[in-house]
Every structure is written in C-alpha cells, then in structure tokens.
C-alpha cells in the first residue's frame, strides 16, 4: 500500500476498502500477494499480484530434482483512491487490472479472442454482484516466433487484458473475487460461469 501521508491520515473510506480486500474469498488455485503499489497514479493505492500454476506432483524424495510448475496465468490488481475525486474516474476509487495467459498459437487469428476475454470480465463482475461503472479495457494478442538456435520452439501466443473500472461502493471484496475468477478462467481452470467456454491454452513441456 502506498500513501502520501502518515498512517493515521489514511482516509476512512480507503481503510474500509482495504478491510474488504482482506475479506475477499478467492479460489485456492490462485496465489495472491501484495506488491509495491504505483505512487503517482493516486494519493493512496494498493497493488496485488496473482499467479496460477499448473499442478505438478511433488518429488517423493529429498534428492529428487524439483519439478517446474508452469505458469498458466498471471495478473495485477491495483486499487486507487483519491479523496478529492476524479472526473475521469467518476468517483474517488478506481480499479486497474492486468491479466496475461498463454494460448494455443492457432488461436492468434481468431478475431473473437479479444471480445471473448472482455465479455468474461463483465460477466464475472455482474455474476459476483459487484457494483461498477465506467468500465473500459484493451485486449492484446502477442505472437512469439523463434529463430536460429531457438527455431525448434513452437509458436506461442499470449492474450493480455488491461481493464479498469470505478467501483460503486467500498465493498472491494466482490471486485477482487470476480477478478481472481477471471485469472483462473484465463488459466483454463474449471468451473466456469454458465454459458462460458474456456479458451484453449498451451501447456509447454
């Protein structure tokens, strides 16, 4: 958490929002931890990182080589607060998020990939009961090709979603839970919201 003043000067609204974050109940497959928050976006901020890894069997003996757990999806969740309010936010709080996951390379030409990812976000927020407005976002497909000594590596494509929205109240727990579900969805983990189909992703050996 970052702030420009002493702890005792932290606004009650931001303290209430932080308490809601601590109450959030997220899926056990996702690993959340606090990271340094951006200092220039707002007077008060909290940032969390999220990672979902493929489950792998643990070594049976202490001498066994450690097993690498592939990262299926990663993300960032940033809560901003400006007591003075912001016309751009239409409020005093703003949530800024980022999610990235690796997909099958053949999905790169699917023009619906970005719109599906954006729909997932809105569906997750709505189904969680999160009160929000002024939502906006950008999806990006990043194709990686290897050459020379790395030419045997397969083509891969990452889907990235950058999104932000203004929460309608201080109960940030529903927003964090909805976003965490999104990260798990990007990772291809079931169960999914009703009517949503998982995007295929490549699990590298």
N, C-alpha and C. Protein backbone atom coordinates (compact mmCIF):
# COMPACT_ATOMS: atom_id res chain seq x y z
N UNK A 1 0.85 -1.19 0.00
CA UNK A 1 0.00 0.00 0.00
C UNK A 1 0.89 1.23 0.00
N UNK A 2 0.51 2.24 -0.75
CA UNK A 2 1.24 3.50 -0.74
C UNK A 2 0.31 4.62 -0.33
N UNK A 3 0.87 5.63 0.31
CA UNK A 3 0.13 6.83 0.66
C UNK A 3 1.11 7.97 0.78
N UNK A 4 0.63 9.17 0.65
CA UNK A 4 1.48 10.35 0.72
C UNK A 4 1.52 10.96 2.11
N UNK A 5 0.85 10.33 3.06
CA UNK A 5 0.81 10.89 4.40
C UNK A 5 0.98 9.81 5.45
N UNK A 6 0.98 10.17 6.74
CA UNK A 6 1.14 9.19 7.81
C UNK A 6 -0.05 8.24 7.86
N UNK A 7 0.18 7.09 8.53
CA UNK A 7 -0.87 6.06 8.59
C UNK A 7 -2.15 6.62 9.17
N UNK A 8 -2.03 7.45 10.22
CA UNK A 8 -3.23 7.95 10.88
C UNK A 8 -4.04 8.88 9.98
N UNK A 9 -3.41 9.34 8.87
CA UNK A 9 -4.12 10.25 7.99
C UNK A 9 -4.82 9.53 6.85
N UNK A 10 -4.69 8.21 6.79
CA UNK A 10 -5.34 7.44 5.72
C UNK A 10 -6.85 7.61 5.84
N UNK A 11 -7.53 7.99 4.77
CA UNK A 11 -8.97 8.23 4.83
C UNK A 11 -9.75 6.98 5.26
N UNK A 12 -10.79 7.14 6.05
CA UNK A 12 -11.61 6.01 6.47
C UNK A 12 -12.15 5.20 5.29
N UNK A 13 -12.48 5.86 4.20
CA UNK A 13 -13.02 5.14 3.04
C UNK A 13 -12.00 4.16 2.48
N UNK A 14 -10.73 4.56 2.47
CA UNK A 14 -9.69 3.67 1.96
C UNK A 14 -9.43 2.53 2.94
N UNK A 15 -9.47 2.82 4.25
CA UNK A 15 -9.32 1.77 5.25
C UNK A 15 -10.46 0.75 5.12
N UNK A 16 -11.66 1.24 4.86
CA UNK A 16 -12.81 0.35 4.68
C UNK A 16 -12.60 -0.53 3.45
N UNK A 17 -12.07 0.06 2.39
CA UNK A 17 -11.81 -0.71 1.17
C UNK A 17 -10.74 -1.77 1.41
N UNK A 18 -9.70 -1.43 2.18
CA UNK A 18 -8.65 -2.39 2.49
C UNK A 18 -9.20 -3.55 3.31
N UNK A 19 -10.09 -3.25 4.25
CA UNK A 19 -10.71 -4.32 5.04
C UNK A 19 -11.52 -5.25 4.15
N UNK A 20 -12.18 -4.69 3.15
CA UNK A 20 -12.96 -5.50 2.23
C UNK A 20 -12.04 -6.41 1.41
N UNK A 21 -10.88 -5.90 1.02
CA UNK A 21 -9.92 -6.72 0.28
C UNK A 21 -9.49 -7.91 1.13
N UNK A 22 -9.26 -7.69 2.42
CA UNK A 22 -8.85 -8.79 3.30
C UNK A 22 -9.96 -9.81 3.48
N UNK A 23 -11.21 -9.39 3.32
CA UNK A 23 -12.34 -10.32 3.47
C UNK A 23 -12.57 -11.17 2.23
N UNK A 24 -11.97 -10.79 1.12
CA UNK A 24 -12.24 -11.48 -0.14
C UNK A 24 -11.89 -12.96 -0.03
N UNK A 25 -12.76 -13.78 -0.61
CA UNK A 25 -12.56 -15.23 -0.63
C UNK A 25 -12.32 -15.67 -2.07
N UNK A 26 -11.06 -15.89 -2.39
CA UNK A 26 -10.67 -16.23 -3.76
C UNK A 26 -10.36 -17.72 -3.88
N UNK A 27 -10.41 -18.21 -5.09
CA UNK A 27 -10.15 -19.61 -5.34
C UNK A 27 -8.76 -20.00 -4.84
N UNK A 28 -8.65 -21.22 -4.31
CA UNK A 28 -7.39 -21.67 -3.72
C UNK A 28 -6.30 -21.88 -4.76
N UNK A 29 -6.68 -22.02 -6.04
CA UNK A 29 -5.65 -22.23 -7.07
C UNK A 29 -4.84 -20.98 -7.37
N UNK A 30 -5.34 -19.84 -6.95
CA UNK A 30 -4.68 -18.58 -7.27
C UNK A 30 -3.84 -18.12 -6.08
N UNK A 31 -2.63 -17.67 -6.39
CA UNK A 31 -1.71 -17.18 -5.36
C UNK A 31 -1.67 -15.66 -5.42
N UNK A 32 -2.14 -15.02 -4.36
CA UNK A 32 -2.19 -13.57 -4.27
C UNK A 32 -1.15 -13.07 -3.28
N UNK A 33 -0.49 -11.98 -3.62
CA UNK A 33 0.41 -11.35 -2.66
C UNK A 33 0.49 -9.86 -2.94
N UNK A 34 0.73 -9.10 -1.89
CA UNK A 34 0.85 -7.65 -2.05
C UNK A 34 2.20 -7.31 -2.67
N UNK A 35 2.19 -6.35 -3.57
CA UNK A 35 3.40 -5.88 -4.24
C UNK A 35 3.44 -4.36 -4.11
N UNK A 36 4.58 -3.74 -4.39
CA UNK A 36 4.64 -2.27 -4.32
C UNK A 36 3.61 -1.63 -5.24
N UNK A 37 2.88 -0.69 -4.71
CA UNK A 37 1.82 -0.02 -5.47
C UNK A 37 2.38 1.20 -6.20
N UNK A 38 1.80 1.57 -7.32
CA UNK A 38 2.26 2.77 -8.04
C UNK A 38 2.04 4.01 -7.19
N UNK A 39 3.02 4.88 -7.17
CA UNK A 39 2.98 6.03 -6.28
C UNK A 39 2.44 7.29 -6.94
N UNK A 40 2.33 7.31 -8.26
CA UNK A 40 1.97 8.54 -8.96
C UNK A 40 0.56 8.56 -9.53
N UNK A 41 -0.14 7.45 -9.43
CA UNK A 41 -1.47 7.39 -10.02
C UNK A 41 -2.55 7.95 -9.11
N UNK A 42 -2.32 7.89 -7.80
CA UNK A 42 -3.32 8.36 -6.84
C UNK A 42 -2.64 8.56 -5.48
N UNK A 43 -3.21 9.37 -4.61
CA UNK A 43 -2.62 9.57 -3.29
C UNK A 43 -2.52 8.28 -2.46
N UNK A 44 -3.46 7.36 -2.68
CA UNK A 44 -3.48 6.10 -1.94
C UNK A 44 -3.67 4.96 -2.93
N UNK A 45 -2.93 3.86 -2.70
CA UNK A 45 -3.02 2.75 -3.65
C UNK A 45 -2.63 1.45 -2.97
N UNK A 46 -3.21 0.37 -3.46
CA UNK A 46 -2.88 -0.99 -3.04
C UNK A 46 -2.72 -1.82 -4.29
N UNK A 47 -1.67 -2.65 -4.35
CA UNK A 47 -1.44 -3.49 -5.52
C UNK A 47 -1.24 -4.94 -5.09
N UNK A 48 -1.85 -5.84 -5.84
CA UNK A 48 -1.72 -7.28 -5.61
C UNK A 48 -1.29 -7.96 -6.90
N UNK A 49 -0.46 -8.98 -6.77
CA UNK A 49 -0.13 -9.82 -7.91
C UNK A 49 -0.87 -11.14 -7.76
N UNK A 50 -1.14 -11.78 -8.89
CA UNK A 50 -1.84 -13.07 -8.88
C UNK A 50 -1.17 -14.00 -9.87
N UNK A 51 -1.01 -15.25 -9.47
CA UNK A 51 -0.42 -16.26 -10.35
C UNK A 51 -1.17 -17.57 -10.18
N UNK A 52 -1.36 -18.25 -11.30
CA UNK A 52 -1.93 -19.58 -11.29
C UNK A 52 -0.95 -20.50 -11.99
N UNK A 53 -0.54 -21.57 -11.30
CA UNK A 53 0.41 -22.52 -11.87
C UNK A 53 -0.24 -23.89 -12.05
N UNK A 54 0.27 -24.61 -13.01
CA UNK A 54 -0.20 -25.97 -13.24
C UNK A 54 0.20 -26.85 -12.07
N UNK A 55 -0.72 -27.69 -11.63
CA UNK A 55 -0.41 -28.60 -10.54
C UNK A 55 0.54 -29.69 -11.03
N UNK A 56 1.58 -29.94 -10.23
CA UNK A 56 2.54 -31.00 -10.57
C UNK A 56 2.79 -31.84 -9.34
N UNK A 57 3.18 -33.09 -9.58
CA UNK A 57 3.46 -34.00 -8.46
C UNK A 57 4.76 -33.58 -7.77
N UNK A 58 4.74 -33.61 -6.45
CA UNK A 58 5.93 -33.28 -5.70
C UNK A 58 6.92 -34.45 -5.74
N UNK A 59 8.23 -34.16 -5.70
CA UNK A 59 9.22 -35.24 -5.65
C UNK A 59 9.00 -36.12 -4.42
N UNK A 60 9.16 -37.43 -4.57
CA UNK A 60 8.93 -38.36 -3.46
C UNK A 60 10.09 -38.39 -2.48
N UNK A 61 11.27 -37.98 -2.93
CA UNK A 61 12.44 -37.99 -2.05
C UNK A 61 13.10 -36.62 -2.05
N UNK A 62 13.88 -36.39 -1.01
CA UNK A 62 14.56 -35.10 -0.91
C UNK A 62 15.61 -34.93 -2.00
N UNK A 63 16.13 -36.05 -2.53
CA UNK A 63 17.17 -35.97 -3.54
C UNK A 63 16.60 -35.80 -4.95
N UNK A 64 15.28 -35.94 -5.09
CA UNK A 64 14.67 -35.80 -6.41
C UNK A 64 14.75 -34.36 -6.88
N UNK A 65 14.93 -34.20 -8.18
CA UNK A 65 15.01 -32.85 -8.73
C UNK A 65 13.67 -32.15 -8.59
N UNK A 66 13.67 -30.87 -8.28
CA UNK A 66 12.40 -30.14 -8.17
C UNK A 66 11.66 -30.12 -9.50
N UNK A 67 10.34 -30.16 -9.43
CA UNK A 67 9.51 -30.16 -10.62
C UNK A 67 9.07 -28.74 -10.93
N UNK A 68 9.29 -28.32 -12.16
CA UNK A 68 8.90 -26.97 -12.55
C UNK A 68 7.39 -26.89 -12.76
N UNK A 69 6.76 -25.94 -12.10
CA UNK A 69 5.32 -25.74 -12.25
C UNK A 69 5.09 -24.63 -13.26
N UNK A 70 4.49 -24.98 -14.38
CA UNK A 70 4.28 -23.98 -15.43
C UNK A 70 3.27 -22.94 -15.02
N UNK A 71 3.57 -21.70 -15.34
CA UNK A 71 2.64 -20.60 -15.07
C UNK A 71 1.55 -20.61 -16.13
N UNK A 72 0.31 -20.72 -15.69
CA UNK A 72 -0.83 -20.73 -16.62
C UNK A 72 -1.39 -19.34 -16.85
N UNK A 73 -1.35 -18.50 -15.83
CA UNK A 73 -1.85 -17.13 -15.97
C UNK A 73 -1.26 -16.27 -14.87
N UNK A 74 -1.15 -14.99 -15.14
CA UNK A 74 -0.63 -14.05 -14.15
C UNK A 74 -1.40 -12.74 -14.28
N UNK A 75 -1.37 -11.94 -13.24
CA UNK A 75 -2.11 -10.68 -13.31
C UNK A 75 -1.74 -9.71 -12.20
N UNK A 76 -2.29 -8.51 -12.31
CA UNK A 76 -2.10 -7.47 -11.31
C UNK A 76 -3.45 -6.81 -11.03
N UNK A 77 -3.68 -6.51 -9.78
CA UNK A 77 -4.91 -5.85 -9.33
C UNK A 77 -4.50 -4.63 -8.52
N UNK A 78 -4.86 -3.44 -8.98
CA UNK A 78 -4.45 -2.20 -8.31
C UNK A 78 -5.70 -1.41 -7.92
N UNK A 79 -5.76 -1.06 -6.65
CA UNK A 79 -6.86 -0.23 -6.13
C UNK A 79 -6.32 1.16 -5.88
N UNK A 80 -6.92 2.15 -6.54
CA UNK A 80 -6.51 3.55 -6.40
C UNK A 80 -7.59 4.34 -5.66
N UNK A 81 -7.14 5.30 -4.86
CA UNK A 81 -8.09 6.15 -4.14
C UNK A 81 -7.58 7.59 -4.11
N UNK A 82 -8.45 8.50 -4.54
CA UNK A 82 -8.18 9.93 -4.47
C UNK A 82 -9.36 10.57 -3.76
N UNK A 83 -9.19 10.99 -2.49
CA UNK A 83 -10.31 11.57 -1.74
C UNK A 83 -10.93 12.77 -2.43
N UNK A 84 -10.15 13.48 -3.26
CA UNK A 84 -10.68 14.65 -3.96
C UNK A 84 -11.56 14.26 -5.13
N UNK A 85 -11.53 13.01 -5.51
CA UNK A 85 -12.34 12.57 -6.65
C UNK A 85 -11.66 12.85 -7.97
N UNK A 86 -12.15 12.18 -9.00
CA UNK A 86 -11.60 12.35 -10.34
C UNK A 86 -12.73 12.33 -11.35
N UNK A 87 -12.74 13.34 -12.22
CA UNK A 87 -13.77 13.39 -13.25
C UNK A 87 -13.62 12.23 -14.22
N UNK A 88 -12.37 11.81 -14.47
CA UNK A 88 -12.14 10.69 -15.37
C UNK A 88 -12.65 9.38 -14.78
N UNK A 89 -12.51 9.24 -13.46
CA UNK A 89 -12.99 8.03 -12.81
C UNK A 89 -14.49 8.07 -12.57
N UNK A 90 -15.04 9.26 -12.42
CA UNK A 90 -16.43 9.42 -11.97
C UNK A 90 -16.58 8.85 -10.56
N UNK A 91 -15.63 9.20 -9.69
CA UNK A 91 -15.66 8.71 -8.32
C UNK A 91 -14.34 8.95 -7.64
N UNK A 92 -14.19 8.40 -6.43
CA UNK A 92 -12.95 8.56 -5.67
C UNK A 92 -12.09 7.31 -5.69
N UNK A 93 -12.61 6.21 -6.24
CA UNK A 93 -11.86 4.97 -6.35
C UNK A 93 -11.76 4.56 -7.82
N UNK A 94 -10.72 3.82 -8.13
CA UNK A 94 -10.58 3.22 -9.46
C UNK A 94 -9.81 1.92 -9.31
N UNK A 95 -10.26 0.89 -9.99
CA UNK A 95 -9.59 -0.40 -10.01
C UNK A 95 -8.94 -0.58 -11.38
N UNK A 96 -7.66 -0.88 -11.38
CA UNK A 96 -6.91 -1.08 -12.62
C UNK A 96 -6.34 -2.50 -12.59
N UNK A 97 -6.58 -3.28 -13.64
CA UNK A 97 -6.18 -4.68 -13.64
C UNK A 97 -5.44 -5.06 -14.92
N UNK A 98 -4.73 -6.17 -14.82
CA UNK A 98 -3.98 -6.74 -15.95
C UNK A 98 -3.99 -8.25 -15.79
N UNK A 99 -4.23 -8.98 -16.89
CA UNK A 99 -4.17 -10.44 -16.89
C UNK A 99 -3.46 -10.89 -18.16
N UNK A 100 -2.60 -11.89 -18.04
CA UNK A 100 -1.94 -12.47 -19.20
C UNK A 100 -1.93 -13.98 -19.09
N UNK A 101 -2.18 -14.66 -20.21
CA UNK A 101 -2.12 -16.12 -20.25
C UNK A 101 -1.67 -16.55 -21.63
N UNK A 102 -1.04 -17.71 -21.71
CA UNK A 102 -0.57 -18.25 -22.99
C UNK A 102 -1.64 -19.16 -23.58
N UNK A 103 -1.92 -18.96 -24.86
CA UNK A 103 -2.93 -19.73 -25.57
C UNK A 103 -2.29 -20.57 -26.67
N UNK A 104 -3.09 -21.42 -27.26
CA UNK A 104 -2.64 -22.16 -28.43
C UNK A 104 -2.36 -21.17 -29.56
N UNK A 105 -1.26 -21.41 -30.31
CA UNK A 105 -0.85 -20.46 -31.34
C UNK A 105 -1.91 -20.29 -32.42
N UNK A 106 -2.67 -21.35 -32.72
CA UNK A 106 -3.67 -21.24 -33.78
C UNK A 106 -4.83 -20.32 -33.42
N UNK A 107 -4.92 -19.95 -32.12
CA UNK A 107 -5.96 -19.02 -31.71
C UNK A 107 -5.64 -17.59 -32.11
N UNK A 108 -4.41 -17.35 -32.57
CA UNK A 108 -3.98 -15.98 -32.87
C UNK A 108 -4.79 -15.31 -33.95
N UNK A 109 -5.32 -16.09 -34.89
CA UNK A 109 -6.10 -15.50 -35.98
C UNK A 109 -7.59 -15.42 -35.67
N UNK A 110 -7.98 -15.81 -34.48
CA UNK A 110 -9.38 -15.76 -34.09
C UNK A 110 -9.72 -14.32 -33.68
N UNK A 111 -10.48 -13.63 -34.51
CA UNK A 111 -10.80 -12.23 -34.23
C UNK A 111 -11.71 -12.07 -33.02
N UNK A 112 -12.32 -13.17 -32.56
CA UNK A 112 -13.23 -13.09 -31.41
C UNK A 112 -12.50 -13.23 -30.08
N UNK A 113 -11.22 -13.56 -30.12
CA UNK A 113 -10.49 -13.83 -28.88
C UNK A 113 -10.54 -12.65 -27.92
N UNK A 114 -10.29 -11.44 -28.41
CA UNK A 114 -10.30 -10.27 -27.54
C UNK A 114 -11.67 -9.97 -26.96
N UNK A 115 -12.70 -10.05 -27.81
CA UNK A 115 -14.05 -9.74 -27.33
C UNK A 115 -14.53 -10.78 -26.32
N UNK A 116 -14.10 -12.04 -26.50
CA UNK A 116 -14.46 -13.07 -25.52
C UNK A 116 -13.85 -12.75 -24.17
N UNK A 117 -12.56 -12.35 -24.16
CA UNK A 117 -11.89 -12.02 -22.91
C UNK A 117 -12.58 -10.84 -22.21
N UNK A 118 -12.97 -9.82 -22.97
CA UNK A 118 -13.65 -8.67 -22.40
C UNK A 118 -15.02 -9.07 -21.84
N UNK A 119 -15.73 -9.94 -22.56
CA UNK A 119 -17.03 -10.41 -22.08
C UNK A 119 -16.88 -11.18 -20.78
N UNK A 120 -15.81 -11.97 -20.67
CA UNK A 120 -15.55 -12.69 -19.43
C UNK A 120 -15.49 -11.74 -18.25
N UNK A 121 -14.79 -10.64 -18.42
CA UNK A 121 -14.63 -9.69 -17.32
C UNK A 121 -15.98 -9.14 -16.88
N UNK A 122 -16.77 -8.67 -17.83
CA UNK A 122 -18.07 -8.10 -17.49
C UNK A 122 -18.98 -9.16 -16.86
N UNK A 123 -18.95 -10.38 -17.40
CA UNK A 123 -19.77 -11.45 -16.83
C UNK A 123 -19.35 -11.75 -15.40
N UNK A 124 -18.04 -11.78 -15.14
CA UNK A 124 -17.55 -12.07 -13.79
C UNK A 124 -17.99 -10.99 -12.81
N UNK A 125 -17.89 -9.73 -13.22
CA UNK A 125 -18.32 -8.63 -12.34
C UNK A 125 -19.82 -8.69 -12.07
N UNK A 126 -20.59 -8.95 -13.11
CA UNK A 126 -22.04 -8.98 -12.95
C UNK A 126 -22.48 -10.17 -12.10
N UNK A 127 -21.88 -11.32 -12.32
CA UNK A 127 -22.29 -12.51 -11.58
C UNK A 127 -21.86 -12.44 -10.12
N UNK A 128 -20.80 -11.69 -9.83
CA UNK A 128 -20.35 -11.55 -8.44
C UNK A 128 -21.20 -10.53 -7.68
N UNK A 129 -22.00 -9.77 -8.41
CA UNK A 129 -22.79 -8.73 -7.77
C UNK A 129 -22.01 -7.45 -7.52
N UNK A 130 -20.86 -7.31 -8.16
CA UNK A 130 -20.05 -6.10 -7.97
C UNK A 130 -20.75 -4.89 -8.59
N UNK A 131 -20.78 -3.80 -7.85
CA UNK A 131 -21.37 -2.54 -8.32
C UNK A 131 -20.26 -1.74 -9.00
N UNK A 132 -20.37 -1.50 -10.30
CA UNK A 132 -19.31 -0.82 -11.02
C UNK A 132 -19.88 0.07 -12.12
N UNK A 133 -19.05 0.97 -12.62
CA UNK A 133 -19.41 1.83 -13.75
C UNK A 133 -18.12 2.27 -14.46
N UNK A 134 -18.28 2.91 -15.59
CA UNK A 134 -17.16 3.45 -16.34
C UNK A 134 -16.07 2.39 -16.60
N UNK A 135 -16.50 1.20 -17.02
CA UNK A 135 -15.54 0.13 -17.31
C UNK A 135 -14.96 0.32 -18.71
N UNK A 136 -13.67 0.10 -18.83
CA UNK A 136 -13.01 0.17 -20.12
C UNK A 136 -11.82 -0.77 -20.14
N UNK A 137 -11.42 -1.19 -21.34
CA UNK A 137 -10.30 -2.12 -21.38
C UNK A 137 -9.74 -2.31 -22.78
N UNK A 138 -8.60 -2.98 -22.83
CA UNK A 138 -7.92 -3.28 -24.08
C UNK A 138 -7.41 -4.71 -24.04
N UNK A 139 -7.63 -5.44 -25.13
CA UNK A 139 -7.06 -6.79 -25.24
C UNK A 139 -5.97 -6.78 -26.30
N UNK A 140 -4.93 -7.55 -26.05
CA UNK A 140 -3.78 -7.62 -26.95
C UNK A 140 -3.38 -9.07 -27.15
N UNK A 141 -3.11 -9.43 -28.41
CA UNK A 141 -2.58 -10.76 -28.71
C UNK A 141 -1.12 -10.61 -29.13
N UNK A 142 -0.24 -11.34 -28.45
CA UNK A 142 1.19 -11.23 -28.69
C UNK A 142 1.69 -12.56 -29.24
N UNK A 143 2.08 -12.57 -30.51
CA UNK A 143 2.59 -13.78 -31.15
C UNK A 143 4.11 -13.82 -31.02
N UNK A 144 4.64 -14.95 -30.54
CA UNK A 144 6.08 -15.11 -30.38
C UNK A 144 6.58 -16.21 -31.32
N UNK A 145 7.58 -15.87 -32.14
CA UNK A 145 8.20 -16.82 -33.05
C UNK A 145 9.70 -16.87 -32.78
N UNK A 146 10.28 -18.05 -32.85
CA UNK A 146 11.69 -18.23 -32.53
C UNK A 146 12.48 -18.63 -33.77
N UNK A 147 13.77 -18.21 -33.82
CA UNK A 147 14.61 -18.46 -34.98
C UNK A 147 16.01 -18.88 -34.53
N UNK A 148 16.81 -19.31 -35.51
CA UNK A 148 18.19 -19.71 -35.23
C UNK A 148 18.25 -20.90 -34.31
N UNK A 149 19.06 -20.78 -33.26
CA UNK A 149 19.21 -21.89 -32.33
C UNK A 149 17.94 -22.18 -31.54
N UNK A 150 16.99 -21.26 -31.59
CA UNK A 150 15.72 -21.45 -30.88
C UNK A 150 14.59 -21.82 -31.83
N UNK A 151 14.93 -22.15 -33.06
CA UNK A 151 13.91 -22.39 -34.09
C UNK A 151 13.01 -23.58 -33.78
N UNK A 152 13.47 -24.50 -32.91
CA UNK A 152 12.64 -25.67 -32.60
C UNK A 152 11.54 -25.36 -31.60
N UNK A 153 11.56 -24.17 -31.06
CA UNK A 153 10.49 -23.79 -30.14
C UNK A 153 9.20 -23.52 -30.90
N UNK A 154 8.06 -23.98 -30.39
CA UNK A 154 6.80 -23.76 -31.10
C UNK A 154 6.36 -22.30 -31.00
N UNK A 155 5.58 -21.88 -31.98
CA UNK A 155 4.98 -20.56 -31.90
C UNK A 155 4.01 -20.52 -30.71
N UNK A 156 3.98 -19.39 -30.04
CA UNK A 156 3.06 -19.23 -28.92
C UNK A 156 2.34 -17.89 -29.06
N UNK A 157 1.22 -17.78 -28.42
CA UNK A 157 0.51 -16.50 -28.40
C UNK A 157 0.00 -16.25 -27.00
N UNK A 158 0.24 -15.04 -26.53
CA UNK A 158 -0.26 -14.61 -25.23
C UNK A 158 -1.45 -13.69 -25.44
N UNK A 159 -2.47 -13.85 -24.62
CA UNK A 159 -3.59 -12.92 -24.62
C UNK A 159 -3.44 -12.06 -23.37
N UNK A 160 -3.52 -10.76 -23.54
CA UNK A 160 -3.42 -9.82 -22.43
C UNK A 160 -4.68 -8.97 -22.36
N UNK A 161 -5.17 -8.78 -21.15
CA UNK A 161 -6.32 -7.93 -20.93
C UNK A 161 -5.96 -6.87 -19.90
N UNK A 162 -6.05 -5.62 -20.32
CA UNK A 162 -5.88 -4.49 -19.41
C UNK A 162 -7.24 -3.82 -19.26
N UNK A 163 -7.69 -3.67 -18.03
CA UNK A 163 -9.04 -3.13 -17.82
C UNK A 163 -9.07 -2.30 -16.55
N UNK A 164 -10.01 -1.37 -16.51
CA UNK A 164 -10.21 -0.57 -15.30
C UNK A 164 -11.68 -0.22 -15.19
N UNK A 165 -12.12 0.02 -13.98
CA UNK A 165 -13.49 0.41 -13.73
C UNK A 165 -13.60 1.11 -12.38
N UNK A 166 -14.69 1.81 -12.18
CA UNK A 166 -14.95 2.53 -10.93
C UNK A 166 -15.93 1.74 -10.08
N UNK A 167 -15.51 1.31 -8.88
CA UNK A 167 -16.45 0.60 -8.00
C UNK A 167 -17.52 1.54 -7.49
N UNK A 168 -18.73 1.01 -7.36
CA UNK A 168 -19.84 1.84 -6.92
C UNK A 168 -19.94 1.97 -5.41
N UNK A 169 -19.17 1.17 -4.67
CA UNK A 169 -19.16 1.25 -3.21
C UNK A 169 -17.79 0.84 -2.71
N UNK A 170 -17.65 0.73 -1.40
CA UNK A 170 -16.36 0.41 -0.81
C UNK A 170 -16.16 -1.09 -0.60
N UNK A 171 -17.13 -1.91 -0.99
CA UNK A 171 -17.01 -3.36 -0.83
C UNK A 171 -16.18 -3.91 -1.99
N UNK A 172 -14.88 -3.77 -1.88
CA UNK A 172 -13.97 -4.18 -2.95
C UNK A 172 -13.83 -5.70 -3.01
N UNK A 173 -14.31 -6.41 -1.98
CA UNK A 173 -14.13 -7.87 -1.96
C UNK A 173 -14.78 -8.52 -3.17
N UNK A 174 -15.97 -8.07 -3.57
CA UNK A 174 -16.64 -8.68 -4.72
C UNK A 174 -15.87 -8.41 -6.01
N UNK A 175 -15.24 -7.26 -6.11
CA UNK A 175 -14.46 -6.92 -7.30
C UNK A 175 -13.20 -7.79 -7.38
N UNK A 176 -12.53 -7.97 -6.24
CA UNK A 176 -11.33 -8.80 -6.22
C UNK A 176 -11.68 -10.25 -6.51
N UNK A 177 -12.76 -10.73 -5.94
CA UNK A 177 -13.17 -12.12 -6.18
C UNK A 177 -13.51 -12.34 -7.65
N UNK A 178 -14.23 -11.39 -8.25
CA UNK A 178 -14.58 -11.51 -9.66
C UNK A 178 -13.33 -11.51 -10.53
N UNK A 179 -12.39 -10.63 -10.20
CA UNK A 179 -11.16 -10.56 -10.99
C UNK A 179 -10.32 -11.82 -10.82
N UNK A 180 -10.25 -12.34 -9.60
CA UNK A 180 -9.50 -13.58 -9.36
C UNK A 180 -10.10 -14.74 -10.14
N UNK A 181 -11.42 -14.78 -10.22
CA UNK A 181 -12.08 -15.81 -11.03
C UNK A 181 -11.67 -15.65 -12.50
N UNK A 182 -11.53 -14.40 -12.94
CA UNK A 182 -11.11 -14.15 -14.31
C UNK A 182 -9.71 -14.71 -14.58
N UNK A 183 -8.80 -14.51 -13.64
CA UNK A 183 -7.45 -15.03 -13.80
C UNK A 183 -7.48 -16.55 -13.93
N UNK A 184 -8.30 -17.20 -13.10
CA UNK A 184 -8.43 -18.65 -13.18
C UNK A 184 -9.07 -19.08 -14.50
N UNK A 185 -10.00 -18.29 -14.99
CA UNK A 185 -10.62 -18.60 -16.27
C UNK A 185 -9.60 -18.49 -17.39
N UNK A 186 -8.78 -17.46 -17.34
CA UNK A 186 -7.71 -17.32 -18.33
C UNK A 186 -6.76 -18.52 -18.28
N UNK A 187 -6.56 -19.07 -17.09
CA UNK A 187 -5.68 -20.22 -16.93
C UNK A 187 -6.32 -21.52 -17.40
N UNK A 188 -7.62 -21.46 -17.74
CA UNK A 188 -8.31 -22.65 -18.22
C UNK A 188 -8.82 -23.55 -17.13
N UNK A 189 -8.98 -23.01 -15.92
CA UNK A 189 -9.43 -23.84 -14.81
C UNK A 189 -10.96 -23.87 -14.72
N UNK A 190 -11.56 -25.03 -14.54
CA UNK A 190 -13.00 -25.11 -14.30
C UNK A 190 -13.26 -24.88 -12.82
N UNK A 191 -14.48 -24.60 -12.37
CA UNK A 191 -15.65 -24.40 -13.24
C UNK A 191 -15.70 -22.99 -13.78
N UNK A 192 -16.42 -22.81 -14.85
CA UNK A 192 -16.60 -21.52 -15.48
C UNK A 192 -18.03 -21.04 -15.29
N UNK A 193 -18.26 -19.73 -15.41
CA UNK A 193 -19.64 -19.24 -15.34
C UNK A 193 -20.51 -19.89 -16.40
N UNK A 194 -21.76 -20.01 -16.12
CA UNK A 194 -22.69 -20.64 -17.04
C UNK A 194 -22.66 -19.98 -18.41
N UNK A 195 -22.52 -20.82 -19.46
CA UNK A 195 -22.54 -20.32 -20.82
C UNK A 195 -21.20 -19.85 -21.34
N UNK A 196 -20.13 -19.99 -20.55
CA UNK A 196 -18.81 -19.53 -20.98
C UNK A 196 -17.96 -20.73 -21.36
N UNK A 197 -17.24 -20.62 -22.45
CA UNK A 197 -16.36 -21.68 -22.93
C UNK A 197 -14.91 -21.30 -22.67
N UNK A 198 -14.12 -22.26 -22.23
CA UNK A 198 -12.72 -21.99 -21.91
C UNK A 198 -11.93 -21.75 -23.19
N UNK A 199 -11.00 -20.78 -23.13
CA UNK A 199 -10.06 -20.58 -24.22
C UNK A 199 -8.97 -21.64 -24.11
N UNK A 200 -8.62 -22.33 -25.20
CA UNK A 200 -7.55 -23.32 -25.12
C UNK A 200 -6.21 -22.64 -24.90
N UNK A 201 -5.35 -23.25 -24.10
CA UNK A 201 -4.04 -22.69 -23.87
C UNK A 201 -2.99 -23.79 -24.01
N UNK A 202 -1.78 -23.42 -24.28
CA UNK A 202 -0.71 -24.39 -24.49
C UNK A 202 0.03 -24.61 -23.20
N UNK A 203 0.17 -25.86 -22.79
CA UNK A 203 0.99 -26.19 -21.62
C UNK A 203 2.30 -26.75 -22.15
N UNK A 204 3.36 -26.00 -21.99
CA UNK A 204 4.65 -26.38 -22.55
C UNK A 204 5.28 -27.49 -21.71
N UNK A 205 5.98 -28.38 -22.40
CA UNK A 205 6.65 -29.45 -21.70
C UNK A 205 8.02 -28.99 -21.22
